[in-house]
Amino acid sequence: MKILIAIESCKADRHRHQAMIDTWLADLADTIDFKFFIGGINEPEEGEVWVPCLDTYEGLATKTKGICRWATAQGYDFLFKCDTDTVVHPGRLLASGYHQYDYMGAENADNLPASLKDFGQRISFASGGAGYWLSQDAMEIVSEGCATPFTAEDVYVSAMLGSACISPVWHEGYRWRPGSKIEGATTFHLSSALQVKYRSELMHEYYQKILDK
């Protein structure tokens, strides 16, 4: 299988990349591709892919759509999308059963505003911070989705897949909720789980913790 680790980033967060490269990405790099995806002006650096979209929070859904379009064009079978403040246990990630599903990650849900009533009153989605997996079929659906009315990229992904009758599959090892434990984690979204402002030192500290626990 051809697998891509797609880290959704931006130019303002480039300083975060090296901590990921030095920790869990280093332990996956021999067997799995990874790329950092940025928007804004077409000025990618080594290891980055440019997506034509705003390089802001408001552009995240469009950026994710572009990530899926690029990954599909490159022939990837599966994509794991995460953020620049997501720490991962490599062994657990690859053994988490993603290949059995079109869409898998950490459970999240939110109420939708009346303007999005066509998508229902409430939507369940896999947390983008904890990271989620998409199959090639799921990537194609997201890449061909409608002009997004959503700001949150993980909600957009779920809405597009839901329109194709693909529901998320939950995995308890993918963690983002405030107060979540690092013990036994497959992935861990540092900012939301710890409820602190992210700094790169946390990636090194918690990578060691996730390996030890």
N, C-alpha and C. Protein backbone atom coordinates (compact mmCIF):
# COMPACT_ATOMS: atom_id res chain seq x y z
N MET A 1 0.83 -1.20 0.00
CA MET A 1 0.00 0.00 0.00
C MET A 1 0.87 1.25 0.00
N LYS A 2 0.40 2.25 -0.70
CA LYS A 2 1.10 3.53 -0.76
C LYS A 2 0.38 4.50 0.19
N ILE A 3 1.10 4.95 1.22
CA ILE A 3 0.50 5.73 2.30
C ILE A 3 1.16 7.10 2.38
N LEU A 4 0.33 8.12 2.63
CA LEU A 4 0.82 9.48 2.81
C LEU A 4 0.45 10.01 4.18
N ILE A 5 1.42 10.55 4.90
CA ILE A 5 1.15 11.34 6.09
C ILE A 5 1.05 12.78 5.63
N ALA A 6 -0.14 13.37 5.72
CA ALA A 6 -0.38 14.73 5.25
C ALA A 6 -0.54 15.65 6.46
N ILE A 7 0.46 16.52 6.67
CA ILE A 7 0.40 17.43 7.81
C ILE A 7 -0.12 18.78 7.32
N GLU A 8 -1.28 19.16 7.82
CA GLU A 8 -1.89 20.43 7.41
C GLU A 8 -1.22 21.56 8.17
N SER A 9 -0.49 22.40 7.46
CA SER A 9 0.30 23.44 8.08
C SER A 9 0.03 24.78 7.41
N CYS A 10 0.88 25.75 7.70
CA CYS A 10 0.81 27.07 7.08
C CYS A 10 2.19 27.71 7.23
N LYS A 11 2.41 28.79 6.52
CA LYS A 11 3.73 29.42 6.57
C LYS A 11 4.06 29.91 7.98
N ALA A 12 3.06 30.35 8.70
CA ALA A 12 3.31 30.85 10.06
C ALA A 12 3.75 29.75 11.01
N ASP A 13 3.46 28.49 10.65
CA ASP A 13 3.80 27.36 11.53
C ASP A 13 4.98 26.54 11.02
N ARG A 14 5.72 27.07 10.07
CA ARG A 14 6.87 26.33 9.56
C ARG A 14 7.88 25.98 10.66
N HIS A 15 7.96 26.82 11.67
CA HIS A 15 8.91 26.57 12.75
C HIS A 15 8.56 25.31 13.54
N ARG A 16 7.36 24.78 13.36
CA ARG A 16 6.94 23.57 14.05
C ARG A 16 7.39 22.29 13.34
N HIS A 17 7.72 22.40 12.07
CA HIS A 17 7.97 21.21 11.25
C HIS A 17 9.12 20.36 11.76
N GLN A 18 10.21 20.99 12.14
CA GLN A 18 11.41 20.24 12.47
C GLN A 18 11.20 19.32 13.67
N ALA A 19 10.41 19.76 14.65
CA ALA A 19 10.17 18.91 15.82
C ALA A 19 9.45 17.63 15.42
N MET A 20 8.55 17.71 14.44
CA MET A 20 7.87 16.51 13.96
C MET A 20 8.83 15.62 13.17
N ILE A 21 9.67 16.26 12.34
CA ILE A 21 10.64 15.51 11.54
C ILE A 21 11.64 14.80 12.43
N ASP A 22 11.99 15.41 13.55
CA ASP A 22 12.99 14.83 14.46
C ASP A 22 12.43 13.76 15.38
N THR A 23 11.10 13.64 15.45
CA THR A 23 10.49 12.69 16.39
C THR A 23 9.76 11.58 15.62
N TRP A 24 8.45 11.61 15.60
CA TRP A 24 7.71 10.47 15.06
C TRP A 24 7.80 10.33 13.55
N LEU A 25 7.95 11.43 12.82
CA LEU A 25 8.09 11.30 11.37
C LEU A 25 9.40 10.60 11.01
N ALA A 26 10.44 10.81 11.82
CA ALA A 26 11.72 10.15 11.56
C ALA A 26 11.59 8.63 11.65
N ASP A 27 10.70 8.16 12.49
CA ASP A 27 10.53 6.72 12.67
C ASP A 27 9.59 6.10 11.64
N LEU A 28 9.01 6.94 10.78
CA LEU A 28 8.14 6.45 9.72
C LEU A 28 8.73 6.70 8.34
N ALA A 29 9.73 7.56 8.26
CA ALA A 29 10.19 8.08 6.97
C ALA A 29 10.74 7.01 6.04
N ASP A 30 11.26 5.92 6.56
CA ASP A 30 11.85 4.89 5.71
C ASP A 30 10.80 4.13 4.90
N THR A 31 9.58 4.12 5.38
CA THR A 31 8.54 3.30 4.73
C THR A 31 7.33 4.09 4.25
N ILE A 32 7.15 5.30 4.75
CA ILE A 32 5.94 6.07 4.45
C ILE A 32 6.31 7.50 4.07
N ASP A 33 5.65 8.03 3.05
CA ASP A 33 5.87 9.41 2.63
C ASP A 33 5.18 10.38 3.58
N PHE A 34 5.77 11.55 3.74
CA PHE A 34 5.07 12.61 4.45
C PHE A 34 5.34 13.94 3.76
N LYS A 35 4.33 14.82 3.83
CA LYS A 35 4.41 16.16 3.25
C LYS A 35 3.70 17.14 4.17
N PHE A 36 4.22 18.37 4.20
CA PHE A 36 3.55 19.47 4.86
C PHE A 36 2.82 20.28 3.79
N PHE A 37 1.56 20.59 4.04
CA PHE A 37 0.75 21.29 3.05
C PHE A 37 0.47 22.71 3.53
N ILE A 38 0.82 23.68 2.65
CA ILE A 38 0.62 25.10 2.96
C ILE A 38 -0.19 25.76 1.86
N GLY A 39 -0.74 26.94 2.16
CA GLY A 39 -1.48 27.70 1.17
C GLY A 39 -0.81 29.04 0.91
N GLY A 40 -1.62 30.03 0.51
CA GLY A 40 -1.09 31.35 0.24
C GLY A 40 -0.37 31.40 -1.10
N ILE A 41 0.69 32.20 -1.17
CA ILE A 41 1.47 32.35 -2.40
C ILE A 41 2.26 31.06 -2.65
N ASN A 42 2.42 30.73 -3.92
CA ASN A 42 3.08 29.48 -4.31
C ASN A 42 4.58 29.56 -4.07
N GLU A 43 4.97 29.32 -2.80
CA GLU A 43 6.39 29.35 -2.42
C GLU A 43 6.71 28.18 -1.48
N PRO A 44 6.47 26.95 -1.91
CA PRO A 44 6.77 25.82 -1.02
C PRO A 44 8.26 25.62 -0.82
N GLU A 45 8.63 25.17 0.37
CA GLU A 45 10.00 24.81 0.66
C GLU A 45 10.14 23.29 0.58
N GLU A 46 11.33 22.79 0.81
CA GLU A 46 11.56 21.34 0.73
C GLU A 46 10.65 20.60 1.69
N GLY A 47 10.01 19.56 1.18
CA GLY A 47 9.10 18.77 2.00
C GLY A 47 7.69 19.32 2.07
N GLU A 48 7.44 20.43 1.37
CA GLU A 48 6.11 21.05 1.40
C GLU A 48 5.42 20.90 0.04
N VAL A 49 4.10 20.96 0.09
CA VAL A 49 3.27 21.00 -1.12
C VAL A 49 2.38 22.22 -0.99
N TRP A 50 2.32 23.01 -2.05
CA TRP A 50 1.48 24.20 -2.06
C TRP A 50 0.07 23.85 -2.51
N VAL A 51 -0.93 24.39 -1.81
CA VAL A 51 -2.33 24.23 -2.17
C VAL A 51 -2.90 25.63 -2.44
N PRO A 52 -3.59 25.83 -3.56
CA PRO A 52 -4.13 27.15 -3.87
C PRO A 52 -5.34 27.48 -2.99
N CYS A 53 -5.07 28.09 -1.86
CA CYS A 53 -6.12 28.45 -0.92
C CYS A 53 -5.57 29.49 0.05
N LEU A 54 -6.44 30.06 0.85
CA LEU A 54 -5.99 30.94 1.91
C LEU A 54 -5.15 30.15 2.90
N ASP A 55 -4.09 30.76 3.40
CA ASP A 55 -3.21 30.09 4.36
C ASP A 55 -3.63 30.45 5.79
N THR A 56 -4.93 30.42 6.04
CA THR A 56 -5.52 30.82 7.32
C THR A 56 -6.50 29.75 7.78
N TYR A 57 -7.04 29.94 8.98
CA TYR A 57 -8.05 29.00 9.48
C TYR A 57 -9.23 28.92 8.53
N GLU A 58 -9.62 30.07 7.97
CA GLU A 58 -10.78 30.10 7.06
C GLU A 58 -10.54 29.30 5.79
N GLY A 59 -9.27 29.03 5.46
CA GLY A 59 -8.97 28.28 4.26
C GLY A 59 -8.73 26.80 4.48
N LEU A 60 -8.91 26.33 5.71
CA LEU A 60 -8.54 24.94 6.02
C LEU A 60 -9.36 23.90 5.25
N ALA A 61 -10.66 24.13 5.13
CA ALA A 61 -11.47 23.14 4.42
C ALA A 61 -11.04 23.04 2.95
N THR A 62 -10.81 24.19 2.33
CA THR A 62 -10.33 24.19 0.96
C THR A 62 -8.95 23.56 0.86
N LYS A 63 -8.11 23.78 1.87
CA LYS A 63 -6.77 23.17 1.89
C LYS A 63 -6.88 21.65 1.97
N THR A 64 -7.78 21.16 2.81
CA THR A 64 -7.95 19.70 2.92
C THR A 64 -8.46 19.11 1.62
N LYS A 65 -9.36 19.81 0.99
CA LYS A 65 -9.84 19.38 -0.33
C LYS A 65 -8.67 19.28 -1.31
N GLY A 66 -7.78 20.28 -1.28
CA GLY A 66 -6.60 20.26 -2.14
C GLY A 66 -5.62 19.15 -1.79
N ILE A 67 -5.48 18.86 -0.50
CA ILE A 67 -4.62 17.75 -0.06
C ILE A 67 -5.13 16.45 -0.67
N CYS A 68 -6.42 16.24 -0.59
CA CYS A 68 -7.00 15.00 -1.12
C CYS A 68 -6.86 14.94 -2.64
N ARG A 69 -6.99 16.07 -3.30
CA ARG A 69 -6.82 16.09 -4.76
C ARG A 69 -5.38 15.72 -5.12
N TRP A 70 -4.42 16.28 -4.40
CA TRP A 70 -3.01 16.00 -4.68
C TRP A 70 -2.69 14.54 -4.39
N ALA A 71 -3.13 14.03 -3.25
CA ALA A 71 -2.84 12.65 -2.87
C ALA A 71 -3.46 11.66 -3.85
N THR A 72 -4.66 11.96 -4.33
CA THR A 72 -5.31 11.09 -5.31
C THR A 72 -4.52 11.07 -6.61
N ALA A 73 -4.08 12.25 -7.05
CA ALA A 73 -3.32 12.34 -8.29
C ALA A 73 -1.98 11.60 -8.20
N GLN A 74 -1.43 11.52 -6.99
CA GLN A 74 -0.16 10.83 -6.78
C GLN A 74 -0.32 9.33 -6.56
N GLY A 75 -1.56 8.86 -6.54
CA GLY A 75 -1.81 7.43 -6.45
C GLY A 75 -1.73 6.82 -5.07
N TYR A 76 -1.95 7.62 -4.02
CA TYR A 76 -1.90 7.08 -2.66
C TYR A 76 -3.15 6.26 -2.37
N ASP A 77 -2.95 5.14 -1.67
CA ASP A 77 -4.07 4.28 -1.29
C ASP A 77 -4.75 4.77 -0.02
N PHE A 78 -3.95 5.30 0.91
CA PHE A 78 -4.48 5.82 2.17
C PHE A 78 -3.74 7.09 2.55
N LEU A 79 -4.45 7.95 3.23
CA LEU A 79 -3.91 9.21 3.71
C LEU A 79 -4.22 9.36 5.18
N PHE A 80 -3.21 9.73 5.96
CA PHE A 80 -3.43 10.10 7.36
C PHE A 80 -3.19 11.58 7.47
N LYS A 81 -4.25 12.34 7.78
CA LYS A 81 -4.17 13.79 7.90
C LYS A 81 -4.08 14.15 9.38
N CYS A 82 -3.14 15.05 9.72
CA CYS A 82 -3.05 15.52 11.09
C CYS A 82 -2.56 16.96 11.09
N ASP A 83 -2.40 17.53 12.27
CA ASP A 83 -1.96 18.92 12.43
C ASP A 83 -0.50 18.97 12.88
N THR A 84 0.05 20.17 12.93
CA THR A 84 1.45 20.34 13.31
C THR A 84 1.68 20.16 14.81
N ASP A 85 0.61 20.02 15.58
CA ASP A 85 0.74 19.79 17.02
C ASP A 85 0.16 18.44 17.42
N THR A 86 0.21 17.48 16.48
CA THR A 86 -0.23 16.11 16.74
C THR A 86 0.99 15.23 16.92
N VAL A 87 1.06 14.52 18.05
CA VAL A 87 2.14 13.56 18.27
C VAL A 87 1.58 12.15 18.07
N VAL A 88 2.39 11.27 17.50
CA VAL A 88 1.92 9.97 17.04
C VAL A 88 2.85 8.87 17.52
N HIS A 89 2.27 7.74 17.91
CA HIS A 89 3.04 6.52 18.17
C HIS A 89 3.09 5.74 16.85
N PRO A 90 4.23 5.68 16.18
CA PRO A 90 4.28 5.08 14.84
C PRO A 90 3.75 3.65 14.76
N GLY A 91 4.18 2.80 15.68
CA GLY A 91 3.75 1.41 15.65
C GLY A 91 2.25 1.26 15.82
N ARG A 92 1.70 1.98 16.78
CA ARG A 92 0.25 1.90 17.01
C ARG A 92 -0.54 2.48 15.84
N LEU A 93 0.00 3.52 15.22
CA LEU A 93 -0.69 4.12 14.08
C LEU A 93 -0.85 3.11 12.96
N LEU A 94 0.23 2.43 12.63
CA LEU A 94 0.19 1.48 11.52
C LEU A 94 -0.56 0.20 11.85
N ALA A 95 -0.73 -0.07 13.14
CA ALA A 95 -1.46 -1.28 13.57
C ALA A 95 -2.90 -0.97 13.97
N SER A 96 -3.38 0.24 13.70
CA SER A 96 -4.69 0.66 14.20
C SER A 96 -5.86 0.22 13.34
N GLY A 97 -5.61 -0.50 12.26
CA GLY A 97 -6.70 -1.05 11.46
C GLY A 97 -7.29 -0.11 10.43
N TYR A 98 -6.61 0.97 10.12
CA TYR A 98 -7.12 1.98 9.18
C TYR A 98 -7.47 1.38 7.82
N HIS A 99 -6.71 0.37 7.40
CA HIS A 99 -6.87 -0.18 6.05
C HIS A 99 -8.20 -0.90 5.86
N GLN A 100 -8.93 -1.11 6.95
CA GLN A 100 -10.23 -1.79 6.85
C GLN A 100 -11.38 -0.83 6.56
N TYR A 101 -11.10 0.48 6.62
CA TYR A 101 -12.17 1.47 6.56
C TYR A 101 -11.86 2.58 5.56
N ASP A 102 -12.90 3.28 5.17
CA ASP A 102 -12.74 4.46 4.32
C ASP A 102 -12.41 5.71 5.12
N TYR A 103 -12.81 5.72 6.41
CA TYR A 103 -12.72 6.96 7.19
C TYR A 103 -12.66 6.59 8.67
N MET A 104 -11.53 6.87 9.32
CA MET A 104 -11.37 6.45 10.71
C MET A 104 -10.59 7.50 11.49
N GLY A 105 -10.99 7.69 12.76
CA GLY A 105 -10.28 8.62 13.63
C GLY A 105 -10.93 8.74 14.99
N ALA A 106 -10.76 9.90 15.62
CA ALA A 106 -11.27 10.14 16.97
C ALA A 106 -12.66 10.78 16.92
N GLU A 107 -13.54 10.31 17.76
CA GLU A 107 -14.92 10.78 17.75
C GLU A 107 -15.02 12.25 18.17
N ASN A 108 -15.77 13.01 17.39
CA ASN A 108 -16.12 14.39 17.71
C ASN A 108 -17.48 14.67 17.10
N ALA A 109 -18.13 15.70 17.55
CA ALA A 109 -19.45 16.05 17.03
C ALA A 109 -19.74 17.50 17.33
N ASP A 110 -20.64 18.10 16.55
CA ASP A 110 -20.99 19.50 16.77
C ASP A 110 -22.36 19.78 16.19
N ASN A 111 -23.01 20.80 16.73
CA ASN A 111 -24.26 21.28 16.18
C ASN A 111 -23.97 22.16 14.97
N LEU A 112 -24.81 22.09 13.96
CA LEU A 112 -24.64 22.90 12.77
C LEU A 112 -25.60 24.09 12.80
N PRO A 113 -25.20 25.23 12.26
CA PRO A 113 -26.10 26.38 12.21
C PRO A 113 -27.23 26.15 11.22
N ALA A 114 -28.27 26.94 11.34
CA ALA A 114 -29.44 26.79 10.47
C ALA A 114 -29.08 26.93 8.99
N SER A 115 -28.03 27.69 8.69
CA SER A 115 -27.64 27.90 7.30
C SER A 115 -27.12 26.61 6.65
N LEU A 116 -26.80 25.62 7.47
CA LEU A 116 -26.29 24.35 6.95
C LEU A 116 -27.27 23.22 7.20
N LYS A 117 -28.54 23.55 7.23
CA LYS A 117 -29.59 22.57 7.57
C LYS A 117 -29.62 21.39 6.60
N ASP A 118 -29.12 21.58 5.38
CA ASP A 118 -29.10 20.48 4.42
C ASP A 118 -28.21 19.33 4.87
N PHE A 119 -27.29 19.62 5.79
CA PHE A 119 -26.38 18.60 6.29
C PHE A 119 -26.85 18.04 7.64
N GLY A 120 -28.04 18.43 8.09
CA GLY A 120 -28.58 17.96 9.35
C GLY A 120 -28.37 18.96 10.47
N GLN A 121 -28.90 18.64 11.65
CA GLN A 121 -28.78 19.54 12.79
C GLN A 121 -27.48 19.32 13.56
N ARG A 122 -26.99 18.11 13.51
CA ARG A 122 -25.78 17.77 14.25
C ARG A 122 -24.95 16.82 13.39
N ILE A 123 -23.65 16.97 13.45
CA ILE A 123 -22.79 16.15 12.61
C ILE A 123 -21.68 15.52 13.45
N SER A 124 -21.42 14.24 13.20
CA SER A 124 -20.31 13.53 13.82
C SER A 124 -19.14 13.52 12.84
N PHE A 125 -17.95 13.72 13.37
CA PHE A 125 -16.79 13.79 12.49
C PHE A 125 -15.55 13.34 13.24
N ALA A 126 -14.55 12.90 12.48
CA ALA A 126 -13.28 12.50 13.07
C ALA A 126 -12.43 13.75 13.30
N SER A 127 -11.94 13.91 14.51
CA SER A 127 -11.18 15.10 14.88
C SER A 127 -9.93 15.29 14.01
N GLY A 128 -9.82 16.47 13.41
CA GLY A 128 -8.64 16.77 12.62
C GLY A 128 -7.39 16.89 13.46
N GLY A 129 -7.53 17.33 14.70
CA GLY A 129 -6.37 17.46 15.58
C GLY A 129 -5.77 16.13 15.97
N ALA A 130 -6.62 15.16 16.29
CA ALA A 130 -6.13 13.82 16.62
C ALA A 130 -5.67 13.08 15.37
N GLY A 131 -6.14 13.54 14.21
CA GLY A 131 -5.77 12.92 12.95
C GLY A 131 -6.78 11.89 12.51
N TYR A 132 -6.95 11.75 11.21
CA TYR A 132 -7.89 10.75 10.69
C TYR A 132 -7.34 10.16 9.39
N TRP A 133 -7.85 8.97 9.09
CA TRP A 133 -7.47 8.24 7.88
C TRP A 133 -8.56 8.35 6.82
N LEU A 134 -8.14 8.44 5.58
CA LEU A 134 -9.05 8.38 4.44
C LEU A 134 -8.52 7.36 3.43
N SER A 135 -9.41 6.56 2.89
CA SER A 135 -9.05 5.65 1.81
C SER A 135 -8.99 6.43 0.49
N GLN A 136 -8.52 5.78 -0.55
CA GLN A 136 -8.47 6.43 -1.86
C GLN A 136 -9.87 6.83 -2.31
N ASP A 137 -10.86 5.97 -2.08
CA ASP A 137 -12.23 6.32 -2.45
C ASP A 137 -12.70 7.56 -1.68
N ALA A 138 -12.39 7.61 -0.39
CA ALA A 138 -12.80 8.75 0.42
C ALA A 138 -12.08 10.02 -0.02
N MET A 139 -10.79 9.91 -0.34
CA MET A 139 -10.04 11.07 -0.84
C MET A 139 -10.68 11.63 -2.10
N GLU A 140 -11.07 10.77 -3.00
CA GLU A 140 -11.67 11.22 -4.25
C GLU A 140 -12.97 11.96 -3.99
N ILE A 141 -13.77 11.47 -3.06
CA ILE A 141 -15.04 12.13 -2.74
C ILE A 141 -14.79 13.52 -2.16
N VAL A 142 -13.85 13.61 -1.23
CA VAL A 142 -13.54 14.92 -0.62
C VAL A 142 -12.97 15.87 -1.66
N SER A 143 -12.10 15.37 -2.53
CA SER A 143 -11.46 16.23 -3.52
C SER A 143 -12.44 16.78 -4.54
N GLU A 144 -13.54 16.07 -4.75
CA GLU A 144 -14.55 16.50 -5.72
C GLU A 144 -15.77 17.13 -5.05
N GLY A 145 -15.66 17.41 -3.74
CA GLY A 145 -16.79 17.95 -2.99
C GLY A 145 -17.20 19.34 -3.43
N CYS A 146 -18.33 19.77 -2.92
CA CYS A 146 -18.87 21.07 -3.29
C CYS A 146 -17.98 22.19 -2.77
N ALA A 147 -18.20 23.40 -3.31
CA ALA A 147 -17.54 24.58 -2.75
C ALA A 147 -17.96 24.65 -1.30
N THR A 148 -16.98 24.61 -0.41
CA THR A 148 -17.31 24.36 1.00
C THR A 148 -17.95 25.54 1.72
N PRO A 149 -19.08 25.28 2.39
CA PRO A 149 -19.67 26.29 3.27
C PRO A 149 -19.11 26.19 4.68
N PHE A 150 -18.19 25.26 4.91
CA PHE A 150 -17.66 25.00 6.24
C PHE A 150 -16.32 25.69 6.45
N THR A 151 -16.06 26.11 7.68
CA THR A 151 -14.74 26.59 8.05
C THR A 151 -13.90 25.44 8.60
N ALA A 152 -14.49 24.66 9.51
CA ALA A 152 -13.77 23.53 10.11
C ALA A 152 -13.55 22.44 9.07
N GLU A 153 -12.29 22.12 8.81
CA GLU A 153 -12.00 21.15 7.74
C GLU A 153 -12.47 19.75 8.08
N ASP A 154 -12.41 19.36 9.35
CA ASP A 154 -12.83 18.01 9.70
C ASP A 154 -14.34 17.84 9.58
N VAL A 155 -15.09 18.92 9.82
CA VAL A 155 -16.54 18.87 9.63
C VAL A 155 -16.86 18.78 8.14
N TYR A 156 -16.13 19.53 7.34
CA TYR A 156 -16.32 19.47 5.88
C TYR A 156 -16.11 18.06 5.35
N VAL A 157 -15.02 17.41 5.78
CA VAL A 157 -14.72 16.06 5.32
C VAL A 157 -15.87 15.11 5.65
N SER A 158 -16.36 15.19 6.88
CA SER A 158 -17.45 14.30 7.29
C SER A 158 -18.72 14.58 6.49
N ALA A 159 -19.00 15.85 6.22
CA ALA A 159 -20.20 16.20 5.45
C ALA A 159 -20.12 15.65 4.04
N MET A 160 -18.96 15.79 3.39
CA MET A 160 -18.82 15.29 2.03
C MET A 160 -18.91 13.76 2.00
N LEU A 161 -18.29 13.09 2.95
CA LEU A 161 -18.34 11.64 2.97
C LEU A 161 -19.73 11.15 3.36
N GLY A 162 -20.38 11.89 4.27
CA GLY A 162 -21.73 11.52 4.65
C GLY A 162 -22.69 11.56 3.48
N SER A 163 -22.48 12.50 2.56
CA SER A 163 -23.34 12.59 1.38
C SER A 163 -23.17 11.38 0.47
N ALA A 164 -22.05 10.65 0.66
CA ALA A 164 -21.81 9.42 -0.09
C ALA A 164 -22.04 8.19 0.79
N CYS A 165 -22.71 8.40 1.91
CA CYS A 165 -23.07 7.32 2.84
C CYS A 165 -21.85 6.65 3.47
N ILE A 166 -20.78 7.43 3.68
CA ILE A 166 -19.61 6.93 4.39
C ILE A 166 -19.56 7.59 5.75
N SER A 167 -19.65 6.79 6.80
CA SER A 167 -19.65 7.29 8.17
C SER A 167 -18.29 7.06 8.81
N PRO A 168 -17.91 7.91 9.75
CA PRO A 168 -16.62 7.71 10.42
C PRO A 168 -16.64 6.50 11.34
N VAL A 169 -15.50 5.84 11.44
CA VAL A 169 -15.29 4.74 12.38
C VAL A 169 -14.38 5.26 13.48
N TRP A 170 -14.75 5.01 14.74
CA TRP A 170 -14.01 5.58 15.86
C TRP A 170 -12.94 4.64 16.36
N HIS A 171 -11.84 5.23 16.82
CA HIS A 171 -10.74 4.48 17.43
C HIS A 171 -10.36 5.19 18.72
N GLU A 172 -10.42 4.49 19.84
CA GLU A 172 -10.20 5.12 21.14
C GLU A 172 -8.76 5.58 21.35
N GLY A 173 -7.83 5.07 20.56
CA GLY A 173 -6.44 5.48 20.71
C GLY A 173 -6.12 6.85 20.12
N TYR A 174 -7.04 7.37 19.32
CA TYR A 174 -6.86 8.69 18.71
C TYR A 174 -7.50 9.70 19.66
N ARG A 175 -6.69 10.60 20.25
CA ARG A 175 -7.17 11.38 21.38
C ARG A 175 -6.95 12.88 21.19
N TRP A 176 -7.98 13.64 21.58
CA TRP A 176 -7.91 15.10 21.47
C TRP A 176 -8.63 15.78 22.64
N ARG A 177 -9.50 15.08 23.33
CA ARG A 177 -10.33 15.72 24.34
C ARG A 177 -9.49 16.27 25.50
N PRO A 178 -9.86 17.42 26.03
CA PRO A 178 -9.14 17.97 27.19
C PRO A 178 -9.07 16.96 28.32
N GLY A 179 -7.89 16.78 28.87
CA GLY A 179 -7.70 15.83 29.95
C GLY A 179 -7.40 14.42 29.49
N SER A 180 -7.34 14.18 28.19
CA SER A 180 -7.02 12.84 27.69
C SER A 180 -5.67 12.38 28.21
N LYS A 181 -5.53 11.07 28.40
CA LYS A 181 -4.29 10.49 28.89
C LYS A 181 -3.39 10.08 27.73
N ILE A 182 -2.10 10.23 27.93
CA ILE A 182 -1.13 9.82 26.91
C ILE A 182 -0.91 8.31 26.94
N GLU A 183 -1.19 7.67 28.07
CA GLU A 183 -0.99 6.22 28.20
C GLU A 183 -1.82 5.48 27.15
N GLY A 184 -1.16 4.65 26.35
CA GLY A 184 -1.85 3.84 25.36
C GLY A 184 -2.34 4.58 24.14
N ALA A 185 -1.98 5.85 24.02
CA ALA A 185 -2.47 6.65 22.89
C ALA A 185 -1.82 6.21 21.59
N THR A 186 -2.61 6.30 20.52
CA THR A 186 -2.09 6.12 19.17
C THR A 186 -1.67 7.47 18.61
N THR A 187 -2.56 8.46 18.78
CA THR A 187 -2.26 9.84 18.44
C THR A 187 -2.74 10.72 19.59
N PHE A 188 -2.17 11.92 19.67
CA PHE A 188 -2.47 12.79 20.81
C PHE A 188 -2.34 14.24 20.33
N HIS A 189 -3.47 14.95 20.35
CA HIS A 189 -3.45 16.36 19.92
C HIS A 189 -3.05 17.22 21.11
N LEU A 190 -1.82 17.69 21.09
CA LEU A 190 -1.23 18.33 22.25
C LEU A 190 -2.00 19.57 22.70
N SER A 191 -2.36 20.44 21.78
CA SER A 191 -3.01 21.70 22.16
C SER A 191 -4.33 21.49 22.86
N SER A 192 -5.18 20.64 22.29
CA SER A 192 -6.51 20.46 22.87
C SER A 192 -6.49 19.52 24.08
N ALA A 193 -5.69 18.47 24.02
CA ALA A 193 -5.66 17.52 25.15
C ALA A 193 -5.04 18.14 26.39
N LEU A 194 -3.99 18.92 26.19
CA LEU A 194 -3.31 19.54 27.33
C LEU A 194 -3.88 20.89 27.71
N GLN A 195 -4.65 21.49 26.75
CA GLN A 195 -5.22 22.83 26.98
C GLN A 195 -4.12 23.85 27.29
N VAL A 196 -3.07 23.84 26.47
CA VAL A 196 -1.97 24.79 26.61
C VAL A 196 -1.63 25.34 25.23
N LYS A 197 -0.96 26.47 25.20
CA LYS A 197 -0.46 27.01 23.94
C LYS A 197 0.70 26.14 23.48
N TYR A 198 0.63 25.65 22.26
CA TYR A 198 1.63 24.72 21.77
C TYR A 198 2.98 25.39 21.58
N ARG A 199 4.02 24.65 21.94
CA ARG A 199 5.40 25.02 21.63
C ARG A 199 6.12 23.74 21.23
N SER A 200 7.13 23.86 20.40
CA SER A 200 7.76 22.68 19.81
C SER A 200 8.39 21.73 20.84
N GLU A 201 8.77 22.28 21.99
CA GLU A 201 9.35 21.42 23.04
C GLU A 201 8.37 20.34 23.47
N LEU A 202 7.08 20.63 23.37
CA LEU A 202 6.08 19.64 23.76
C LEU A 202 6.10 18.42 22.86
N MET A 203 6.43 18.61 21.58
CA MET A 203 6.49 17.48 20.65
C MET A 203 7.55 16.50 21.11
N HIS A 204 8.73 17.00 21.48
CA HIS A 204 9.80 16.13 21.94
C HIS A 204 9.44 15.46 23.27
N GLU A 205 8.91 16.24 24.20
CA GLU A 205 8.56 15.70 25.52
C GLU A 205 7.51 14.61 25.42
N TYR A 206 6.45 14.87 24.66
CA TYR A 206 5.35 13.92 24.60
C TYR A 206 5.60 12.78 23.63
N TYR A 207 6.53 12.95 22.72
CA TYR A 207 6.90 11.80 21.89
C TYR A 207 7.57 10.74 22.76
N GLN A 208 8.43 11.17 23.64
CA GLN A 208 9.07 10.22 24.55
C GLN A 208 8.03 9.58 25.47
N LYS A 209 7.07 10.37 25.92
CA LYS A 209 6.03 9.84 26.81
C LYS A 209 5.14 8.84 26.09
N ILE A 210 4.79 9.13 24.83
CA ILE A 210 3.90 8.20 24.13
C ILE A 210 4.62 6.88 23.82
N LEU A 211 5.93 6.94 23.61
CA LEU A 211 6.72 5.72 23.41
C LEU A 211 6.84 4.92 24.71
N ASP A 212 7.00 5.63 25.83
CA ASP A 212 7.18 4.97 27.10
C ASP A 212 5.90 4.40 27.68
N LYS A 213 4.77 4.94 27.25
CA LYS A 213 3.50 4.56 27.86
C LYS A 213 2.56 3.89 26.88
